[in-house]
PDB file of N, CA and C in Angstrom:
ATOM      1  N   MET A   1      21.352   7.569  18.527  1.00  0.00           N
ATOM      2  CA  MET A   1      21.164   8.698  17.631  1.00  0.00           C
ATOM      3  C   MET A   1      20.818   9.929  18.503  1.00  0.00           C
ATOM      4  N   SER A   2      21.705  11.035  18.006  1.00  0.00           N
ATOM      5  CA  SER A   2      21.480  12.307  18.812  1.00  0.00           C
ATOM      6  C   SER A   2      20.138  13.220  18.407  1.00  0.00           C
ATOM      7  N   ILE A   3      19.726  13.952  18.950  1.00  0.00           N
ATOM      8  CA  ILE A   3      18.807  14.852  18.502  1.00  0.00           C
ATOM      9  C   ILE A   3      19.460  15.564  17.276  1.00  0.00           C
ATOM     10  N   GLU A   4      20.363  15.971  17.193  1.00  0.00           N
ATOM     11  CA  GLU A   4      21.178  16.756  16.105  1.00  0.00           C
ATOM     12  C   GLU A   4      21.199  15.606  14.595  1.00  0.00           C
ATOM     13  N   GLN A   5      21.315  14.572  15.207  1.00  0.00           N
ATOM     14  CA  GLN A   5      21.367  13.488  14.018  1.00  0.00           C
ATOM     15  C   GLN A   5      20.008  13.342  13.384  1.00  0.00           C
ATOM     16  N   ALA A   6      19.003  13.146  14.356  1.00  0.00           N
ATOM     17  CA  ALA A   6      17.676  12.845  14.013  1.00  0.00           C
ATOM     18  C   ALA A   6      17.166  14.118  13.249  1.00  0.00           C
ATOM     19  N   ARG A   7      17.390  15.385  13.629  1.00  0.00           N
ATOM     20  CA  ARG A   7      16.907  16.496  12.705  1.00  0.00           C
ATOM     21  C   ARG A   7      17.477  16.535  11.464  1.00  0.00           C
ATOM     22  N   ALA A   8      18.801  16.329  11.277  1.00  0.00           N
ATOM     23  CA  ALA A   8      19.485  16.320   9.907  1.00  0.00           C
ATOM     24  C   ALA A   8      19.091  15.082   9.231  1.00  0.00           C
ATOM     25  N   ALA A   9      18.472  13.786   9.673  1.00  0.00           N
ATOM     26  CA  ALA A   9      17.789  12.794   8.880  1.00  0.00           C
ATOM     27  C   ALA A   9      16.558  13.236   8.350  1.00  0.00           C
ATOM     28  N   ILE A  10      15.730  13.795   9.332  1.00  0.00           N
ATOM     29  CA  ILE A  10      14.466  14.161   8.903  1.00  0.00           C
ATOM     30  C   ILE A  10      14.584  15.502   7.744  1.00  0.00           C
ATOM     31  N   ALA A  11      15.489  16.216   8.015  1.00  0.00           N
ATOM     32  CA  ALA A  11      15.726  17.098   6.908  1.00  0.00           C
ATOM     33  C   ALA A  11      16.366  16.533   5.626  1.00  0.00           C
ATOM     34  N   GLU A  12      16.985  15.617   5.650  1.00  0.00           N
ATOM     35  CA  GLU A  12      17.399  15.066   4.404  1.00  0.00           C
ATOM     36  C   GLU A  12      16.412  14.274   3.907  1.00  0.00           C
ATOM     37  N   ALA A  13      15.333  13.634   4.418  1.00  0.00           N
ATOM     38  CA  ALA A  13      14.292  12.730   4.078  1.00  0.00           C
ATOM     39  C   ALA A  13      13.340  13.680   3.301  1.00  0.00           C
ATOM     40  N   GLU A  14      13.246  14.767   3.921  1.00  0.00           N
ATOM     41  CA  GLU A  14      12.109  16.024   3.397  1.00  0.00           C
ATOM     42  C   GLU A  14      13.025  16.354   2.150  1.00  0.00           C
ATOM     43  N   ARG A  15      14.020  16.672   2.053  1.00  0.00           N
ATOM     44  CA  ARG A  15      14.975  17.419   0.928  1.00  0.00           C
ATOM     45  C   ARG A  15      14.654  16.612  -0.160  1.00  0.00           C
ATOM     46  N   VAL A  16      14.783  14.944  -0.117  1.00  0.00           N
ATOM     47  CA  VAL A  16      14.597  14.285  -1.213  1.00  0.00           C
ATOM     48  C   VAL A  16      13.039  13.833  -1.425  1.00  0.00           C
ATOM     49  N   GLY A  17      12.177  14.114  -0.813  1.00  0.00           N
ATOM     50  CA  GLY A  17      10.794  14.121  -1.260  1.00  0.00           C
ATOM     51  C   GLY A  17       9.968  13.221  -0.385  1.00  0.00           C
ATOM     52  N   PHE A  18      10.494  12.748   0.868  1.00  0.00           N
ATOM     53  CA  PHE A  18       9.503  11.761   1.526  1.00  0.00           C
ATOM     54  C   PHE A  18       8.491  12.851   2.346  1.00  0.00           C
ATOM     55  N   ASP A  19       7.137  12.363   2.441  1.00  0.00           N
ATOM     56  CA  ASP A  19       6.236  13.239   2.969  1.00  0.00           C
ATOM     57  C   ASP A  19       6.073  12.614   4.372  1.00  0.00           C
ATOM     58  N   LEU A  20       6.773  13.486   5.158  1.00  0.00           N
ATOM     59  CA  LEU A  20       6.548  12.875   6.659  1.00  0.00           C
ATOM     60  C   LEU A  20       5.628  13.257   7.247  1.00  0.00           C
ATOM     61  N   SER A  21       4.508  14.174   6.697  1.00  0.00           N
ATOM     62  CA  SER A  21       3.323  14.508   7.264  1.00  0.00           C
ATOM     63  C   SER A  21       2.295  13.101   7.450  1.00  0.00           C
ATOM     64  N   LEU A  22       2.767  11.984   6.534  1.00  0.00           N
ATOM     65  CA  LEU A  22       1.771  10.693   6.593  1.00  0.00           C
ATOM     66  C   LEU A  22       2.357  10.284   7.914  1.00  0.00           C
ATOM     67  N   VAL A  23       3.538  10.213   8.120  1.00  0.00           N
ATOM     68  CA  VAL A  23       3.974   9.650   9.424  1.00  0.00           C
ATOM     69  C   VAL A  23       3.312  10.158  10.713  1.00  0.00           C
ATOM     70  N   ASP A  24       3.470  11.597  10.594  1.00  0.00           N
ATOM     71  CA  ASP A  24       2.574  12.350  11.892  1.00  0.00           C
ATOM     72  C   ASP A  24       1.485  11.976  11.910  1.00  0.00           C
ATOM     73  N   CYS A  25       0.679  11.986  10.968  1.00  0.00           N
ATOM     74  CA  CYS A  25      -0.780  11.747  10.718  1.00  0.00           C
ATOM     75  C   CYS A  25      -0.915  10.093  11.449  1.00  0.00           C
ATOM     76  N   ASN A  26      -0.115   9.176  11.241  1.00  0.00           N
ATOM     77  CA  ASN A  26      -0.410   7.807  11.399  1.00  0.00           C
ATOM     78  C   ASN A  26       0.049   7.829  12.990  1.00  0.00           C
ATOM     79  N   LEU A  27       0.812   8.542  13.347  1.00  0.00           N
ATOM     80  CA  LEU A  27       1.382   8.677  14.854  1.00  0.00           C
ATOM     81  C   LEU A  27       0.241   9.104  15.806  1.00  0.00           C
ATOM     82  N   ALA A  28      -0.605  10.039  14.973  1.00  0.00           N
ATOM     83  CA  ALA A  28      -1.598  10.863  15.823  1.00  0.00           C
ATOM     84  C   ALA A  28      -2.924   9.551  16.381  1.00  0.00           C
ATOM     85  N   VAL A  29      -3.022   8.693  15.584  1.00  0.00           N
ATOM     86  CA  VAL A  29      -3.863   7.776  16.076  1.00  0.00           C
ATOM     87  C   VAL A  29      -3.515   6.640  17.004  1.00  0.00           C
ATOM     88  N   THR A  30      -4.584   5.913  17.354  1.00  0.00           N
ATOM     89  CA  THR A  30      -4.066   4.659  18.314  1.00  0.00           C
ATOM     90  C   THR A  30      -3.588   3.520  17.334  1.00  0.00           C
ATOM     91  N   PRO A  31      -2.728   2.606  17.730  1.00  0.00           N
ATOM     92  CA  PRO A  31      -2.336   1.579  17.245  1.00  0.00           C
ATOM     93  C   PRO A  31      -3.690   0.757  16.672  1.00  0.00           C
ATOM     94  N   GLU A  32      -4.577   0.526  17.435  1.00  0.00           N
ATOM     95  CA  GLU A  32      -5.652  -0.229  17.073  1.00  0.00           C
ATOM     96  C   GLU A  32      -6.312   0.640  15.819  1.00  0.00           C
ATOM     97  N   GLU A  33      -6.518   1.964  15.850  1.00  0.00           N
ATOM     98  CA  GLU A  33      -7.124   2.618  14.409  1.00  0.00           C
ATOM     99  C   GLU A  33      -6.186   2.275  13.146  1.00  0.00           C
ATOM    100  N   ARG A  34      -4.659   2.300  13.487  1.00  0.00           N
ATOM    101  CA  ARG A  34      -3.937   2.117  12.464  1.00  0.00           C
ATOM    102  C   ARG A  34      -4.204   0.485  11.927  1.00  0.00           C
ATOM    103  N   CYS A  35      -4.372  -0.216  12.786  1.00  0.00           N
ATOM    104  CA  CYS A  35      -4.593  -1.696  12.413  1.00  0.00           C
ATOM    105  C   CYS A  35      -5.903  -1.702  11.689  1.00  0.00           C
ATOM    106  N   LEU A  36      -7.073  -1.109  11.956  1.00  0.00           N
ATOM    107  CA  LEU A  36      -8.154  -0.754  11.269  1.00  0.00           C
ATOM    108  C   LEU A  36      -8.021  -0.350   9.877  1.00  0.00           C
ATOM    109  N   ARG A  37      -7.270   0.855   9.662  1.00  0.00           N
ATOM    110  CA  ARG A  37      -7.298   1.383   8.778  1.00  0.00           C
ATOM    111  C   ARG A  37      -6.457   0.393   7.632  1.00  0.00           C
ATOM    112  N   HIS A  38      -5.272  -0.324   8.134  1.00  0.00           N
ATOM    113  CA  HIS A  38      -4.357  -1.023   7.548  1.00  0.00           C
ATOM    114  C   HIS A  38      -5.547  -2.273   6.764  1.00  0.00           C
ATOM    115  N   ALA A  39      -6.274  -2.464   7.722  1.00  0.00           N
ATOM    116  CA  ALA A  39      -7.259  -3.921   7.429  1.00  0.00           C
ATOM    117  C   ALA A  39      -8.158  -3.332   6.197  1.00  0.00           C
ATOM    118  N   ALA A  40      -8.624  -2.159   6.363  1.00  0.00           N
ATOM    119  CA  ALA A  40      -9.456  -1.580   5.137  1.00  0.00           C
ATOM    120  C   ALA A  40      -9.091  -1.267   3.998  1.00  0.00           C
ATOM    121  N   ALA A  41      -7.579  -0.762   4.134  1.00  0.00           N
ATOM    122  CA  ALA A  41      -6.546  -0.826   2.854  1.00  0.00           C
ATOM    123  C   ALA A  41      -6.199  -2.184   2.152  1.00  0.00           C
ATOM    124  N   LEU A  42      -6.134  -3.142   3.061  1.00  0.00           N
ATOM    125  CA  LEU A  42      -5.858  -4.264   2.410  1.00  0.00           C
ATOM    126  C   LEU A  42      -7.155  -5.060   1.750  1.00  0.00           C
ATOM    127  N   GLU A  43      -8.197  -4.882   2.333  1.00  0.00           N
ATOM    128  CA  GLU A  43      -9.375  -5.327   1.942  1.00  0.00           C
ATOM    129  C   GLU A  43      -9.816  -4.627   0.345  1.00  0.00           C
ATOM    130  N   PHE A  44      -9.527  -3.333   0.441  1.00  0.00           N
ATOM    131  CA  PHE A  44      -9.735  -2.448  -0.706  1.00  0.00           C
ATOM    132  C   PHE A  44      -8.879  -3.033  -2.098  1.00  0.00           C
ATOM    133  N   ALA A  45      -7.642  -3.300  -1.529  1.00  0.00           N
ATOM    134  CA  ALA A  45      -6.691  -3.755  -2.721  1.00  0.00           C
ATOM    135  C   ALA A  45      -6.892  -4.993  -2.891  1.00  0.00           C
ATOM    136  N   LEU A  46      -7.396  -6.052  -2.104  1.00  0.00           N
ATOM    137  CA  LEU A  46      -7.770  -7.409  -2.497  1.00  0.00           C
ATOM    138  C   LEU A  46      -8.930  -7.251  -3.608  1.00  0.00           C
ATOM    139  N   ALA A  47      -9.910  -6.568  -3.209  1.00  0.00           N
ATOM    140  CA  ALA A  47     -11.005  -6.347  -4.013  1.00  0.00           C
ATOM    141  C   ALA A  47     -10.592  -5.397  -5.447  1.00  0.00           C
ATOM    142  N   LEU A  48      -9.766  -4.822  -5.503  1.00  0.00           N
ATOM    143  CA  LEU A  48      -9.010  -4.137  -6.807  1.00  0.00           C
ATOM    144  C   LEU A  48      -8.646  -5.297  -7.687  1.00  0.00           C
ATOM    145  N   ARG A  49      -7.852  -6.364  -6.789  1.00  0.00           N
ATOM    146  CA  ARG A  49      -6.982  -7.346  -7.377  1.00  0.00           C
ATOM    147  C   ARG A  49      -8.215  -8.279  -8.093  1.00  0.00           C
ATOM    148  N   ALA A  50      -9.124  -8.461  -7.464  1.00  0.00           N
ATOM    149  CA  ALA A  50     -10.189  -9.827  -7.927  1.00  0.00           C
ATOM    150  C   ALA A  50     -11.037  -9.004  -9.143  1.00  0.00           C
ATOM    151  N   ALA A  51     -11.227  -7.758  -8.885  1.00  0.00           N
ATOM    152  CA  ALA A  51     -11.935  -7.223 -10.138  1.00  0.00           C
ATOM    153  C   ALA A  51     -11.174  -7.160 -11.288  1.00  0.00           C
ATOM    154  N   GLY A  52      -9.750  -6.852 -11.206  1.00  0.00           N
ATOM    155  CA  GLY A  52      -8.952  -6.847 -12.248  1.00  0.00           C
ATOM    156  C   GLY A  52      -8.800  -8.246 -12.837  1.00  0.00           C
ATOM    157  N   GLU A  53      -8.810  -9.168 -12.099  1.00  0.00           N
ATOM    158  CA  GLU A  53      -8.630 -10.489 -12.605  1.00  0.00           C
ATOM    159  C   GLU A  53      -9.682 -11.112 -13.115  1.00  0.00           C
ATOM    160  N   LYS A  54     -10.810 -10.407 -12.536  1.00  0.00           N
ATOM    161  CA  LYS A  54     -12.333 -10.951 -13.560  1.00  0.00           C
ATOM    162  C   LYS A  54     -12.187 -10.250 -14.949  1.00  0.00           C
ATOM    163  N   LEU A  55     -11.766  -8.918 -14.760  1.00  0.00           N
ATOM    164  CA  LEU A  55     -11.928  -8.164 -16.203  1.00  0.00           C
ATOM    165  C   LEU A  55     -10.969  -8.907 -17.043  1.00  0.00           C
ATOM    166  N   TYR A  56      -9.941  -9.267 -16.731  1.00  0.00           N
ATOM    167  CA  TYR A  56      -9.060  -9.642 -17.552  1.00  0.00           C
ATOM    168  C   TYR A  56      -8.750 -11.130 -17.645  1.00  0.00           C
ATOM    169  N   ALA A  57      -9.802 -11.625 -17.197  1.00  0.00           N
ATOM    170  CA  ALA A  57      -9.791 -13.383 -17.417  1.00  0.00           C
ATOM    171  C   ALA A  57      -9.962 -13.841 -18.875  1.00  0.00           C
ATOM    172  N   ARG A  58      -9.358 -14.660 -19.295  1.00  0.00           N
ATOM    173  CA  ARG A  58      -9.545 -15.241 -20.632  1.00  0.00           C
ATOM    174  C   ARG A  58     -10.156 -16.534 -20.475  1.00  0.00           C
ATOM    175  N   PRO A  59     -11.098 -16.881 -21.477  1.00  0.00           N
ATOM    176  CA  PRO A  59     -11.627 -18.006 -21.221  1.00  0.00           C
ATOM    177  C   PRO A  59     -10.332 -19.168 -21.723  1.00  0.00           C
ATOM    178  N   ALA A  60     -10.975 -20.351 -21.181  1.00  0.00           N
ATOM    179  CA  ALA A  60      -9.807 -21.507 -21.667  1.00  0.00           C
ATOM    180  C   ALA A  60      -9.940 -21.843 -23.159  1.00  0.00           C
ATOM    181  N   PRO A  61      -8.734 -22.196 -23.724  1.00  0.00           N
ATOM    182  CA  PRO A  61      -8.902 -22.298 -25.198  1.00  0.00           C
ATOM    183  C   PRO A  61      -9.640 -23.568 -25.398  1.00  0.00           C
ATOM    184  N   VAL A  62     -10.213 -23.586 -26.434  1.00  0.00           N
ATOM    185  CA  VAL A  62     -11.038 -24.772 -26.853  1.00  0.00           C
ATOM    186  C   VAL A  62     -10.373 -26.082 -27.588  1.00  0.00           C
ATOM    187  N   VAL A  63     -10.333 -27.039 -26.881  1.00  0.00           N
ATOM    188  CA  VAL A  63      -9.530 -28.029 -27.652  1.00  0.00           C
ATOM    189  C   VAL A  63     -10.264 -28.936 -28.716  1.00  0.00           C
ATOM    190  N   THR A  64     -10.121 -29.391 -29.848  1.00  0.00           N
ATOM    191  CA  THR A  64     -10.820 -29.837 -30.749  1.00  0.00           C
ATOM    192  C   THR A  64     -10.042 -31.280 -31.359  1.00  0.00           C
ATOM    193  N   ALA A  65     -10.686 -32.189 -31.365  1.00  0.00           N
ATOM    194  CA  ALA A  65      -9.994 -33.323 -32.054  1.00  0.00           C
ATOM    195  C   ALA A  65      -9.895 -33.174 -33.334  1.00  0.00           C
ATOM    196  N   ALA A  66      -8.472 -33.534 -33.855  1.00  0.00           N
ATOM    197  CA  ALA A  66      -8.026 -33.593 -35.221  1.00  0.00           C
ATOM    198  C   ALA A  66      -8.528 -34.758 -35.981  1.00  0.00           C
ATOM    199  N   GLY A  67      -9.112 -34.457 -37.256  1.00  0.00           N
ATOM    200  CA  GLY A  67      -9.558 -35.567 -38.183  1.00  0.00           C
ATOM    201  C   GLY A  67     -10.238 -35.080 -39.320  1.00  0.00           C
TER     202      GLY A  67
END
């Protein structure tokens, strides 16, 4: 890819709404820091999932004998 093609691709991405500042922000930190941030985000997402499962959990139906 040439420089001109890369610039055109970046311009098109910005035109359709991609926030490339997030990419720049991530590239400004070390790979180790990116891994740590990812791990923290994953831990948070899993905690949210667990909280949602706990909140919306339904008790098992009670089975009674017919008679």
